[in-house]
Amino acid sequence: DPGSGKLYYYNAATRETRWEKPVVPPRVEEGPGVFGRFFKKMQENVIPDVSKGATSFFTTVRDVAKSVVTTPPRPAAAHNPWEQHYAPDGRKYWWNTETGESSWGPPPQ
């Protein structure tokens, strides 16, 4: 404070001033996330591989990226031979592509 010479603290975001030093909350460490895992694996696997040449280097980078970013496999769709169609009068019917059977009502699941 220019008038008293006493130290004060100013928060630019809130424009608040105070005499006491603000308490900074401890930083919460998060998991490494996808980029952290990628860079860690890069350090472990790629850096030693640089001496093997560019092709080996980029192959290793690709493999590291694939190992870090994984997409869970999608469950296979259940096989259903029934197709929905419309009769000339607009009514729905179902036709079995394997047996040739047709039905006005929905087929059993």
PDB file of N, CA and C in Angstrom:
ATOM      1  N   ASP A   1       0.856  -1.171   0.000  1.00  0.00           N
ATOM      2  CA  ASP A   1       0.000   0.000   0.000  1.00  0.00           C
ATOM      3  C   ASP A   1       0.901   1.232   0.000  1.00  0.00           C
ATOM      4  N   PRO A   2       0.762   2.100  -0.991  1.00  0.00           N
ATOM      5  CA  PRO A   2       1.652   3.265  -1.059  1.00  0.00           C
ATOM      6  C   PRO A   2       1.558   4.186   0.165  1.00  0.00           C
ATOM      7  N   GLY A   3       0.374   4.280   0.745  1.00  0.00           N
ATOM      8  CA  GLY A   3       0.208   5.194   1.891  1.00  0.00           C
ATOM      9  C   GLY A   3       0.896   4.696   3.140  1.00  0.00           C
ATOM     10  N   SER A   4       0.793   3.379   3.394  1.00  0.00           N
ATOM     11  CA  SER A   4       1.350   2.856   4.637  1.00  0.00           C
ATOM     12  C   SER A   4       2.660   2.103   4.432  1.00  0.00           C
ATOM     13  N   GLY A   5       2.934   1.736   3.159  1.00  0.00           N
ATOM     14  CA  GLY A   5       4.138   0.948   2.889  1.00  0.00           C
ATOM     15  C   GLY A   5       3.955  -0.521   3.222  1.00  0.00           C
ATOM     16  N   LYS A   6       2.748  -0.889   3.613  1.00  0.00           N
ATOM     17  CA  LYS A   6       2.449  -2.272   3.992  1.00  0.00           C
ATOM     18  C   LYS A   6       2.161  -3.100   2.745  1.00  0.00           C
ATOM     19  N   LEU A   7       2.618  -4.347   2.736  1.00  0.00           N
ATOM     20  CA  LEU A   7       2.409  -5.243   1.609  1.00  0.00           C
ATOM     21  C   LEU A   7       0.963  -5.725   1.578  1.00  0.00           C
ATOM     22  N   TYR A   8       0.356  -5.712   0.395  1.00  0.00           N
ATOM     23  CA  TYR A   8      -0.986  -6.266   0.241  1.00  0.00           C
ATOM     24  C   TYR A   8      -1.005  -7.127  -1.013  1.00  0.00           C
ATOM     25  N   TYR A   9      -2.043  -7.939  -1.140  1.00  0.00           N
ATOM     26  CA  TYR A   9      -2.170  -8.883  -2.254  1.00  0.00           C
ATOM     27  C   TYR A   9      -3.379  -8.502  -3.097  1.00  0.00           C
ATOM     28  N   TYR A  10      -3.219  -8.637  -4.410  1.00  0.00           N
ATOM     29  CA  TYR A  10      -4.269  -8.268  -5.356  1.00  0.00           C
ATOM     30  C   TYR A  10      -4.561  -9.451  -6.265  1.00  0.00           C
ATOM     31  N   ASN A  11      -5.847  -9.817  -6.396  1.00  0.00           N
ATOM     32  CA  ASN A  11      -6.281 -10.885  -7.295  1.00  0.00           C
ATOM     33  C   ASN A  11      -6.808 -10.221  -8.556  1.00  0.00           C
ATOM     34  N   ALA A  12      -6.062 -10.368  -9.654  1.00  0.00           N
ATOM     35  CA  ALA A  12      -6.441  -9.715 -10.906  1.00  0.00           C
ATOM     36  C   ALA A  12      -7.749 -10.266 -11.465  1.00  0.00           C
ATOM     37  N   ALA A  13      -8.050 -11.529 -11.203  1.00  0.00           N
ATOM     38  CA  ALA A  13      -9.279 -12.128 -11.741  1.00  0.00           C
ATOM     39  C   ALA A  13     -10.513 -11.584 -11.043  1.00  0.00           C
ATOM     40  N   THR A  14     -10.440 -11.429  -9.706  1.00  0.00           N
ATOM     41  CA  THR A  14     -11.611 -10.975  -8.952  1.00  0.00           C
ATOM     42  C   THR A  14     -11.518  -9.494  -8.568  1.00  0.00           C
ATOM     43  N   ARG A  15     -10.355  -8.898  -8.802  1.00  0.00           N
ATOM     44  CA  ARG A  15     -10.061  -7.505  -8.444  1.00  0.00           C
ATOM     45  C   ARG A  15     -10.143  -7.275  -6.938  1.00  0.00           C
ATOM     46  N   GLU A  16      -9.932  -8.346  -6.191  1.00  0.00           N
ATOM     47  CA  GLU A  16      -9.986  -8.292  -4.731  1.00  0.00           C
ATOM     48  C   GLU A  16      -8.590  -7.978  -4.178  1.00  0.00           C
ATOM     49  N   THR A  17      -8.540  -7.188  -3.115  1.00  0.00           N
ATOM     50  CA  THR A  17      -7.282  -6.942  -2.407  1.00  0.00           C
ATOM     51  C   THR A  17      -7.422  -7.462  -0.991  1.00  0.00           C
ATOM     52  N   ARG A  18      -6.283  -7.863  -0.410  1.00  0.00           N
ATOM     53  CA  ARG A  18      -6.289  -8.327   0.981  1.00  0.00           C
ATOM     54  C   ARG A  18      -4.903  -8.161   1.583  1.00  0.00           C
ATOM     55  N   TRP A  19      -4.855  -8.067   2.896  1.00  0.00           N
ATOM     56  CA  TRP A  19      -3.598  -7.923   3.609  1.00  0.00           C
ATOM     57  C   TRP A  19      -2.922  -9.277   3.808  1.00  0.00           C
ATOM     58  N   GLU A  20      -3.744 -10.317   3.995  1.00  0.00           N
ATOM     59  CA  GLU A  20      -3.187 -11.639   4.266  1.00  0.00           C
ATOM     60  C   GLU A  20      -2.814 -12.338   2.956  1.00  0.00           C
ATOM     61  N   LYS A  21      -1.741 -13.101   2.993  1.00  0.00           N
ATOM     62  CA  LYS A  21      -1.329 -13.850   1.809  1.00  0.00           C
ATOM     63  C   LYS A  21      -2.376 -14.921   1.526  1.00  0.00           C
ATOM     64  N   PRO A  22      -2.878 -15.006   0.290  1.00  0.00           N
ATOM     65  CA  PRO A  22      -3.897 -16.013  -0.032  1.00  0.00           C
ATOM     66  C   PRO A  22      -3.314 -17.422   0.075  1.00  0.00           C
ATOM     67  N   VAL A  23      -4.167 -18.326   0.479  1.00  0.00           N
ATOM     68  CA  VAL A  23      -3.758 -19.725   0.556  1.00  0.00           C
ATOM     69  C   VAL A  23      -4.020 -20.358  -0.803  1.00  0.00           C
ATOM     70  N   VAL A  24      -2.991 -20.944  -1.362  1.00  0.00           N
ATOM     71  CA  VAL A  24      -3.131 -21.609  -2.658  1.00  0.00           C
ATOM     72  C   VAL A  24      -3.451 -23.072  -2.387  1.00  0.00           C
ATOM     73  N   PRO A  25      -4.572 -23.566  -2.916  1.00  0.00           N
ATOM     74  CA  PRO A  25      -4.908 -24.966  -2.659  1.00  0.00           C
ATOM     75  C   PRO A  25      -3.857 -25.882  -3.282  1.00  0.00           C
ATOM     76  N   PRO A  26      -3.604 -27.020  -2.641  1.00  0.00           N
ATOM     77  CA  PRO A  26      -2.612 -27.935  -3.206  1.00  0.00           C
ATOM     78  C   PRO A  26      -3.065 -28.440  -4.577  1.00  0.00           C
ATOM     79  N   ARG A  27      -2.120 -28.613  -5.442  1.00  0.00           N
ATOM     80  CA  ARG A  27      -2.428 -29.084  -6.794  1.00  0.00           C
ATOM     81  C   ARG A  27      -2.787 -30.563  -6.742  1.00  0.00           C
ATOM     82  N   VAL A  28      -3.875 -30.884  -7.375  1.00  0.00           N
ATOM     83  CA  VAL A  28      -4.314 -32.274  -7.429  1.00  0.00           C
ATOM     84  C   VAL A  28      -3.635 -32.937  -8.620  1.00  0.00           C
ATOM     85  N   GLU A  29      -2.891 -33.968  -8.336  1.00  0.00           N
ATOM     86  CA  GLU A  29      -2.222 -34.678  -9.420  1.00  0.00           C
ATOM     87  C   GLU A  29      -3.214 -35.616 -10.079  1.00  0.00           C
ATOM     88  N   GLU A  30      -3.292 -35.520 -11.359  1.00  0.00           N
ATOM     89  CA  GLU A  30      -4.169 -36.403 -12.115  1.00  0.00           C
ATOM     90  C   GLU A  30      -3.327 -37.518 -12.718  1.00  0.00           C
ATOM     91  N   GLY A  31      -3.998 -38.522 -13.199  1.00  0.00           N
ATOM     92  CA  GLY A  31      -3.289 -39.587 -13.889  1.00  0.00           C
ATOM     93  C   GLY A  31      -2.594 -39.017 -15.110  1.00  0.00           C
ATOM     94  N   PRO A  32      -1.686 -39.777 -15.682  1.00  0.00           N
ATOM     95  CA  PRO A  32      -0.907 -39.237 -16.793  1.00  0.00           C
ATOM     96  C   PRO A  32      -1.720 -38.952 -18.042  1.00  0.00           C
ATOM     97  N   GLY A  33      -2.888 -39.520 -18.186  1.00  0.00           N
ATOM     98  CA  GLY A  33      -3.693 -39.286 -19.378  1.00  0.00           C
ATOM     99  C   GLY A  33      -3.028 -39.880 -20.607  1.00  0.00           C
ATOM    100  N   VAL A  34      -3.691 -39.743 -21.719  1.00  0.00           N
ATOM    101  CA  VAL A  34      -3.201 -40.375 -22.941  1.00  0.00           C
ATOM    102  C   VAL A  34      -1.878 -39.768 -23.394  1.00  0.00           C
ATOM    103  N   PHE A  35      -1.715 -38.447 -23.281  1.00  0.00           N
ATOM    104  CA  PHE A  35      -0.466 -37.831 -23.725  1.00  0.00           C
ATOM    105  C   PHE A  35       0.680 -38.194 -22.786  1.00  0.00           C
ATOM    106  N   GLY A  36       0.389 -38.220 -21.491  1.00  0.00           N
ATOM    107  CA  GLY A  36       1.430 -38.608 -20.538  1.00  0.00           C
ATOM    108  C   GLY A  36       1.899 -40.032 -20.778  1.00  0.00           C
ATOM    109  N   ARG A  37       0.948 -40.933 -21.007  1.00  0.00           N
ATOM    110  CA  ARG A  37       1.324 -42.323 -21.288  1.00  0.00           C
ATOM    111  C   ARG A  37       2.110 -42.415 -22.584  1.00  0.00           C
ATOM    112  N   PHE A  38       1.705 -41.633 -23.587  1.00  0.00           N
ATOM    113  CA  PHE A  38       2.399 -41.646 -24.873  1.00  0.00           C
ATOM    114  C   PHE A  38       3.848 -41.189 -24.708  1.00  0.00           C
ATOM    115  N   PHE A  39       4.049 -40.042 -24.044  1.00  0.00           N
ATOM    116  CA  PHE A  39       5.407 -39.521 -23.910  1.00  0.00           C
ATOM    117  C   PHE A  39       6.278 -40.421 -23.039  1.00  0.00           C
ATOM    118  N   LYS A  40       5.683 -41.040 -22.018  1.00  0.00           N
ATOM    119  CA  LYS A  40       6.457 -41.959 -21.182  1.00  0.00           C
ATOM    120  C   LYS A  40       6.925 -43.149 -22.012  1.00  0.00           C
ATOM    121  N   LYS A  41       6.004 -43.720 -22.800  1.00  0.00           N
ATOM    122  CA  LYS A  41       6.382 -44.849 -23.646  1.00  0.00           C
ATOM    123  C   LYS A  41       7.365 -44.420 -24.732  1.00  0.00           C
ATOM    124  N   MET A  42       7.233 -43.187 -25.208  1.00  0.00           N
ATOM    125  CA  MET A  42       8.181 -42.689 -26.203  1.00  0.00           C
ATOM    126  C   MET A  42       9.584 -42.669 -25.608  1.00  0.00           C
ATOM    127  N   GLN A  43       9.700 -42.182 -24.385  1.00  0.00           N
ATOM    128  CA  GLN A  43      11.007 -42.132 -23.737  1.00  0.00           C
ATOM    129  C   GLN A  43      11.570 -43.537 -23.549  1.00  0.00           C
ATOM    130  N   GLU A  44      10.710 -44.480 -23.180  1.00  0.00           N
ATOM    131  CA  GLU A  44      11.167 -45.840 -22.927  1.00  0.00           C
ATOM    132  C   GLU A  44      11.519 -46.596 -24.207  1.00  0.00           C
ATOM    133  N   ASN A  45      10.754 -46.378 -25.266  1.00  0.00           N
ATOM    134  CA  ASN A  45      10.895 -47.208 -26.460  1.00  0.00           C
ATOM    135  C   ASN A  45      11.505 -46.525 -27.668  1.00  0.00           C
ATOM    136  N   VAL A  46      11.180 -45.277 -27.892  1.00  0.00           N
ATOM    137  CA  VAL A  46      11.567 -44.634 -29.143  1.00  0.00           C
ATOM    138  C   VAL A  46      12.973 -44.066 -29.083  1.00  0.00           C
ATOM    139  N   ILE A  47      13.295 -43.392 -28.022  1.00  0.00           N
ATOM    140  CA  ILE A  47      14.604 -42.737 -27.958  1.00  0.00           C
ATOM    141  C   ILE A  47      15.739 -43.745 -28.204  1.00  0.00           C
ATOM    142  N   PRO A  48      15.735 -44.920 -27.571  1.00  0.00           N
ATOM    143  CA  PRO A  48      16.802 -45.876 -27.875  1.00  0.00           C
ATOM    144  C   PRO A  48      16.760 -46.377 -29.321  1.00  0.00           C
ATOM    145  N   ASP A  49      15.600 -46.309 -29.974  1.00  0.00           N
ATOM    146  CA  ASP A  49      15.446 -46.831 -31.328  1.00  0.00           C
ATOM    147  C   ASP A  49      15.940 -45.877 -32.417  1.00  0.00           C
ATOM    148  N   VAL A  50      16.244 -44.636 -32.096  1.00  0.00           N
ATOM    149  CA  VAL A  50      16.608 -43.644 -33.096  1.00  0.00           C
ATOM    150  C   VAL A  50      17.820 -44.102 -33.899  1.00  0.00           C
ATOM    151  N   SER A  51      18.739 -44.792 -33.255  1.00  0.00           N
ATOM    152  CA  SER A  51      19.957 -45.227 -33.950  1.00  0.00           C
ATOM    153  C   SER A  51      19.678 -46.275 -35.018  1.00  0.00           C
ATOM    154  N   LYS A  52      18.501 -46.873 -35.018  1.00  0.00           N
ATOM    155  CA  LYS A  52      18.170 -47.921 -35.985  1.00  0.00           C
ATOM    156  C   LYS A  52      17.650 -47.371 -37.306  1.00  0.00           C
ATOM    157  N   GLY A  53      17.460 -46.072 -37.417  1.00  0.00           N
ATOM    158  CA  GLY A  53      17.024 -45.486 -38.671  1.00  0.00           C
ATOM    159  C   GLY A  53      15.596 -44.985 -38.616  1.00  0.00           C
ATOM    160  N   ALA A  54      15.243 -44.203 -39.644  1.00  0.00           N
ATOM    161  CA  ALA A  54      13.942 -43.532 -39.682  1.00  0.00           C
ATOM    162  C   ALA A  54      12.781 -44.508 -39.754  1.00  0.00           C
ATOM    163  N   THR A  55      12.884 -45.554 -40.565  1.00  0.00           N
ATOM    164  CA  THR A  55      11.769 -46.494 -40.708  1.00  0.00           C
ATOM    165  C   THR A  55      11.464 -47.173 -39.382  1.00  0.00           C
ATOM    166  N   SER A  56      12.506 -47.625 -38.717  1.00  0.00           N
ATOM    167  CA  SER A  56      12.314 -48.259 -37.414  1.00  0.00           C
ATOM    168  C   SER A  56      11.745 -47.272 -36.407  1.00  0.00           C
ATOM    169  N   PHE A  57      12.241 -46.036 -36.461  1.00  0.00           N
ATOM    170  CA  PHE A  57      11.776 -44.989 -35.551  1.00  0.00           C
ATOM    171  C   PHE A  57      10.280 -44.751 -35.714  1.00  0.00           C
ATOM    172  N   PHE A  58       9.824 -44.555 -36.959  1.00  0.00           N
ATOM    173  CA  PHE A  58       8.410 -44.251 -37.178  1.00  0.00           C
ATOM    174  C   PHE A  58       7.515 -45.459 -36.928  1.00  0.00           C
ATOM    175  N   THR A  59       8.032 -46.655 -37.191  1.00  0.00           N
ATOM    176  CA  THR A  59       7.270 -47.866 -36.863  1.00  0.00           C
ATOM    177  C   THR A  59       7.069 -47.953 -35.361  1.00  0.00           C
ATOM    178  N   THR A  60       8.103 -47.662 -34.606  1.00  0.00           N
ATOM    179  CA  THR A  60       8.007 -47.701 -33.151  1.00  0.00           C
ATOM    180  C   THR A  60       7.045 -46.638 -32.643  1.00  0.00           C
ATOM    181  N   VAL A  61       7.105 -45.434 -33.209  1.00  0.00           N
ATOM    182  CA  VAL A  61       6.178 -44.365 -32.805  1.00  0.00           C
ATOM    183  C   VAL A  61       4.744 -44.807 -33.053  1.00  0.00           C
ATOM    184  N   ARG A  62       4.484 -45.399 -34.228  1.00  0.00           N
ATOM    185  CA  ARG A  62       3.134 -45.869 -34.552  1.00  0.00           C
ATOM    186  C   ARG A  62       2.678 -46.928 -33.541  1.00  0.00           C
ATOM    187  N   ASP A  63       3.560 -47.880 -33.230  1.00  0.00           N
ATOM    188  CA  ASP A  63       3.199 -48.942 -32.294  1.00  0.00           C
ATOM    189  C   ASP A  63       2.951 -48.404 -30.884  1.00  0.00           C
ATOM    190  N   VAL A  64       3.755 -47.428 -30.477  1.00  0.00           N
ATOM    191  CA  VAL A  64       3.552 -46.820 -29.159  1.00  0.00           C
ATOM    192  C   VAL A  64       2.208 -46.107 -29.129  1.00  0.00           C
ATOM    193  N   ALA A  65       1.897 -45.350 -30.179  1.00  0.00           N
ATOM    194  CA  ALA A  65       0.614 -44.633 -30.228  1.00  0.00           C
ATOM    195  C   ALA A  65      -0.554 -45.609 -30.171  1.00  0.00           C
ATOM    196  N   LYS A  66      -0.456 -46.705 -30.901  1.00  0.00           N
ATOM    197  CA  LYS A  66      -1.535 -47.708 -30.882  1.00  0.00           C
ATOM    198  C   LYS A  66      -1.700 -48.325 -29.499  1.00  0.00           C
ATOM    199  N   SER A  67      -0.587 -48.529 -28.796  1.00  0.00           N
ATOM    200  CA  SER A  67      -0.676 -49.161 -27.475  1.00  0.00           C
ATOM    201  C   SER A  67      -1.257 -48.225 -26.429  1.00  0.00           C
ATOM    202  N   VAL A  68      -1.122 -46.925 -26.650  1.00  0.00           N
ATOM    203  CA  VAL A  68      -1.603 -45.943 -25.676  1.00  0.00           C
ATOM    204  C   VAL A  68      -3.061 -45.591 -25.927  1.00  0.00           C
ATOM    205  N   VAL A  69      -3.417 -45.409 -27.178  1.00  0.00           N
ATOM    206  CA  VAL A  69      -4.780 -45.030 -27.540  1.00  0.00           C
ATOM    207  C   VAL A  69      -5.478 -46.285 -28.038  1.00  0.00           C
ATOM    208  N   THR A  70      -6.265 -46.852 -27.177  1.00  0.00           N
ATOM    209  CA  THR A  70      -6.964 -48.072 -27.560  1.00  0.00           C
ATOM    210  C   THR A  70      -8.450 -47.805 -27.652  1.00  0.00           C
ATOM    211  N   THR A  71      -9.047 -48.350 -28.645  1.00  0.00           N
ATOM    212  CA  THR A  71     -10.485 -48.255 -28.811  1.00  0.00           C
ATOM    213  C   THR A  71     -11.062 -49.599 -28.400  1.00  0.00           C
ATOM    214  N   PRO A  72     -11.978 -49.592 -27.453  1.00  0.00           N
ATOM    215  CA  PRO A  72     -12.548 -50.873 -27.051  1.00  0.00           C
ATOM    216  C   PRO A  72     -13.265 -51.528 -28.229  1.00  0.00           C
ATOM    217  N   PRO A  73     -13.127 -52.829 -28.351  1.00  0.00           N
ATOM    218  CA  PRO A  73     -13.794 -53.494 -29.475  1.00  0.00           C
ATOM    219  C   PRO A  73     -15.306 -53.376 -29.351  1.00  0.00           C
ATOM    220  N   ARG A  74     -15.949 -53.208 -30.493  1.00  0.00           N
ATOM    221  CA  ARG A  74     -17.412 -53.144 -30.501  1.00  0.00           C
ATOM    222  C   ARG A  74     -17.952 -54.564 -30.486  1.00  0.00           C
ATOM    223  N   PRO A  75     -18.996 -54.782 -29.718  1.00  0.00           N
ATOM    224  CA  PRO A  75     -19.582 -56.126 -29.730  1.00  0.00           C
ATOM    225  C   PRO A  75     -20.177 -56.417 -31.103  1.00  0.00           C
ATOM    226  N   ALA A  76     -20.017 -57.642 -31.516  1.00  0.00           N
ATOM    227  CA  ALA A  76     -20.556 -58.041 -32.820  1.00  0.00           C
ATOM    228  C   ALA A  76     -22.083 -57.987 -32.770  1.00  0.00           C
ATOM    229  N   ALA A  77     -22.663 -57.507 -33.846  1.00  0.00           N
ATOM    230  CA  ALA A  77     -24.120 -57.441 -33.924  1.00  0.00           C
ATOM    231  C   ALA A  77     -24.669 -58.860 -34.040  1.00  0.00           C
ATOM    232  N   ALA A  78     -25.738 -59.099 -33.326  1.00  0.00           N
ATOM    233  CA  ALA A  78     -26.369 -60.413 -33.398  1.00  0.00           C
ATOM    234  C   ALA A  78     -26.929 -60.617 -34.805  1.00  0.00           C
ATOM    235  N   HIS A  79     -26.780 -61.808 -35.306  1.00  0.00           N
ATOM    236  CA  HIS A  79     -27.291 -62.115 -36.639  1.00  0.00           C
ATOM    237  C   HIS A  79     -28.816 -62.177 -36.591  1.00  0.00           C
ATOM    238  N   ASN A  80     -29.452 -61.431 -37.473  1.00  0.00           N
ATOM    239  CA  ASN A  80     -30.900 -61.431 -37.539  1.00  0.00           C
ATOM    240  C   ASN A  80     -31.296 -61.534 -39.020  1.00  0.00           C
ATOM    241  N   PRO A  81     -31.847 -62.665 -39.426  1.00  0.00           N
ATOM    242  CA  PRO A  81     -32.186 -62.837 -40.837  1.00  0.00           C
ATOM    243  C   PRO A  81     -33.472 -62.111 -41.256  1.00  0.00           C
ATOM    244  N   TRP A  82     -34.176 -61.497 -40.304  1.00  0.00           N
ATOM    245  CA  TRP A  82     -35.450 -60.841 -40.610  1.00  0.00           C
ATOM    246  C   TRP A  82     -35.227 -59.431 -41.126  1.00  0.00           C
ATOM    247  N   GLU A  83     -35.872 -59.074 -42.235  1.00  0.00           N
ATOM    248  CA  GLU A  83     -35.840 -57.724 -42.796  1.00  0.00           C
ATOM    249  C   GLU A  83     -37.249 -57.142 -42.762  1.00  0.00           C
ATOM    250  N   GLN A  84     -37.324 -55.843 -42.460  1.00  0.00           N
ATOM    251  CA  GLN A  84     -38.618 -55.168 -42.447  1.00  0.00           C
ATOM    252  C   GLN A  84     -38.902 -54.621 -43.840  1.00  0.00           C
ATOM    253  N   HIS A  85     -40.135 -54.831 -44.317  1.00  0.00           N
ATOM    254  CA  HIS A  85     -40.556 -54.333 -45.629  1.00  0.00           C
ATOM    255  C   HIS A  85     -41.949 -53.718 -45.495  1.00  0.00           C
ATOM    256  N   TYR A  86     -42.436 -53.122 -46.593  1.00  0.00           N
ATOM    257  CA  TYR A  86     -43.783 -52.539 -46.614  1.00  0.00           C
ATOM    258  C   TYR A  86     -44.563 -53.149 -47.763  1.00  0.00           C
ATOM    259  N   ALA A  87     -45.795 -53.528 -47.441  1.00  0.00           N
ATOM    260  CA  ALA A  87     -46.704 -54.059 -48.461  1.00  0.00           C
ATOM    261  C   ALA A  87     -47.205 -52.889 -49.311  1.00  0.00           C
ATOM    262  N   PRO A  88     -47.746 -53.167 -50.503  1.00  0.00           N
ATOM    263  CA  PRO A  88     -48.267 -52.084 -51.359  1.00  0.00           C
ATOM    264  C   PRO A  88     -49.290 -51.190 -50.653  1.00  0.00           C
ATOM    265  N   ASP A  89     -50.036 -51.738 -49.679  1.00  0.00           N
ATOM    266  CA  ASP A  89     -51.020 -50.908 -48.971  1.00  0.00           C
ATOM    267  C   ASP A  89     -50.395 -50.121 -47.812  1.00  0.00           C
ATOM    268  N   GLY A  90     -49.044 -50.227 -47.624  1.00  0.00           N
ATOM    269  CA  GLY A  90     -48.350 -49.449 -46.598  1.00  0.00           C
ATOM    270  C   GLY A  90     -48.122 -50.171 -45.289  1.00  0.00           C
ATOM    271  N   ARG A  91     -48.716 -51.361 -45.122  1.00  0.00           N
ATOM    272  CA  ARG A  91     -48.520 -52.094 -43.860  1.00  0.00           C
ATOM    273  C   ARG A  91     -47.116 -52.700 -43.812  1.00  0.00           C
ATOM    274  N   LYS A  92     -46.552 -52.729 -42.602  1.00  0.00           N
ATOM    275  CA  LYS A  92     -45.234 -53.337 -42.413  1.00  0.00           C
ATOM    276  C   LYS A  92     -45.378 -54.850 -42.385  1.00  0.00           C
ATOM    277  N   TYR A  93     -44.370 -55.504 -42.923  1.00  0.00           N
ATOM    278  CA  TYR A  93     -44.266 -56.945 -42.733  1.00  0.00           C
ATOM    279  C   TYR A  93     -42.788 -57.295 -42.645  1.00  0.00           C
ATOM    280  N   TRP A  94     -42.488 -58.474 -42.125  1.00  0.00           N
ATOM    281  CA  TRP A  94     -41.115 -58.929 -41.974  1.00  0.00           C
ATOM    282  C   TRP A  94     -40.910 -60.167 -42.825  1.00  0.00           C
ATOM    283  N   TRP A  95     -39.711 -60.249 -43.401  1.00  0.00           N
ATOM    284  CA  TRP A  95     -39.387 -61.370 -44.272  1.00  0.00           C
ATOM    285  C   TRP A  95     -38.058 -61.958 -43.819  1.00  0.00           C
ATOM    286  N   ASN A  96     -38.020 -63.291 -43.686  1.00  0.00           N
ATOM    287  CA  ASN A  96     -36.810 -63.984 -43.256  1.00  0.00           C
ATOM    288  C   ASN A  96     -35.988 -64.329 -44.490  1.00  0.00           C
ATOM    289  N   THR A  97     -34.781 -63.772 -44.586  1.00  0.00           N
ATOM    290  CA  THR A  97     -33.930 -63.970 -45.758  1.00  0.00           C
ATOM    291  C   THR A  97     -33.400 -65.392 -45.865  1.00  0.00           C
ATOM    292  N   GLU A  98     -33.410 -66.133 -44.766  1.00  0.00           N
ATOM    293  CA  GLU A  98     -32.874 -67.498 -44.786  1.00  0.00           C
ATOM    294  C   GLU A  98     -33.944 -68.542 -45.094  1.00  0.00           C
ATOM    295  N   THR A  99     -35.160 -68.325 -44.573  1.00  0.00           N
ATOM    296  CA  THR A  99     -36.207 -69.351 -44.735  1.00  0.00           C
ATOM    297  C   THR A  99     -37.275 -68.946 -45.742  1.00  0.00           C
ATOM    298  N   GLY A 100     -37.340 -67.660 -46.100  1.00  0.00           N
ATOM    299  CA  GLY A 100     -38.384 -67.176 -46.993  1.00  0.00           C
ATOM    300  C   GLY A 100     -39.717 -66.938 -46.287  1.00  0.00           C
ATOM    301  N   GLU A 101     -39.779 -67.192 -45.003  1.00  0.00           N
ATOM    302  CA  GLU A 101     -40.986 -66.987 -44.221  1.00  0.00           C
ATOM    303  C   GLU A 101     -41.286 -65.491 -44.116  1.00  0.00           C
ATOM    304  N   SER A 102     -42.567 -65.108 -44.064  1.00  0.00           N
ATOM    305  CA  SER A 102     -42.943 -63.710 -43.854  1.00  0.00           C
ATOM    306  C   SER A 102     -43.954 -63.645 -42.728  1.00  0.00           C
ATOM    307  N   SER A 103     -44.050 -62.456 -42.108  1.00  0.00           N
ATOM    308  CA  SER A 103     -44.942 -62.286 -40.962  1.00  0.00           C
ATOM    309  C   SER A 103     -45.414 -60.835 -40.909  1.00  0.00           C
ATOM    310  N   TRP A 104     -46.703 -60.655 -40.524  1.00  0.00           N
ATOM    311  CA  TRP A 104     -47.217 -59.303 -40.342  1.00  0.00           C
ATOM    312  C   TRP A 104     -46.739 -58.722 -39.015  1.00  0.00           C
ATOM    313  N   GLY A 105     -46.457 -59.576 -38.064  1.00  0.00           N
ATOM    314  CA  GLY A 105     -45.985 -59.102 -36.751  1.00  0.00           C
ATOM    315  C   GLY A 105     -44.464 -59.165 -36.671  1.00  0.00           C
ATOM    316  N   PRO A 106     -43.897 -58.407 -35.760  1.00  0.00           N
ATOM    317  CA  PRO A 106     -42.442 -58.418 -35.608  1.00  0.00           C
ATOM    318  C   PRO A 106     -41.961 -59.815 -35.249  1.00  0.00           C
ATOM    319  N   PRO A 107     -40.823 -60.212 -35.772  1.00  0.00           N
ATOM    320  CA  PRO A 107     -40.296 -61.543 -35.468  1.00  0.00           C
ATOM    321  C   PRO A 107     -39.791 -61.602 -34.036  1.00  0.00           C
ATOM    322  N   PRO A 108     -39.695 -62.801 -33.493  1.00  0.00           N
ATOM    323  CA  PRO A 108     -39.142 -62.925 -32.151  1.00  0.00           C
ATOM    324  C   PRO A 108     -37.673 -62.504 -32.151  1.00  0.00           C
ATOM    325  N   GLN A 109     -37.231 -61.888 -31.094  1.00  0.00           N
ATOM    326  CA  GLN A 109     -35.835 -61.425 -31.016  1.00  0.00           C
ATOM    327  C   GLN A 109     -34.882 -62.515 -30.603  1.00  0.00           C
TER     328      GLN A 109
END
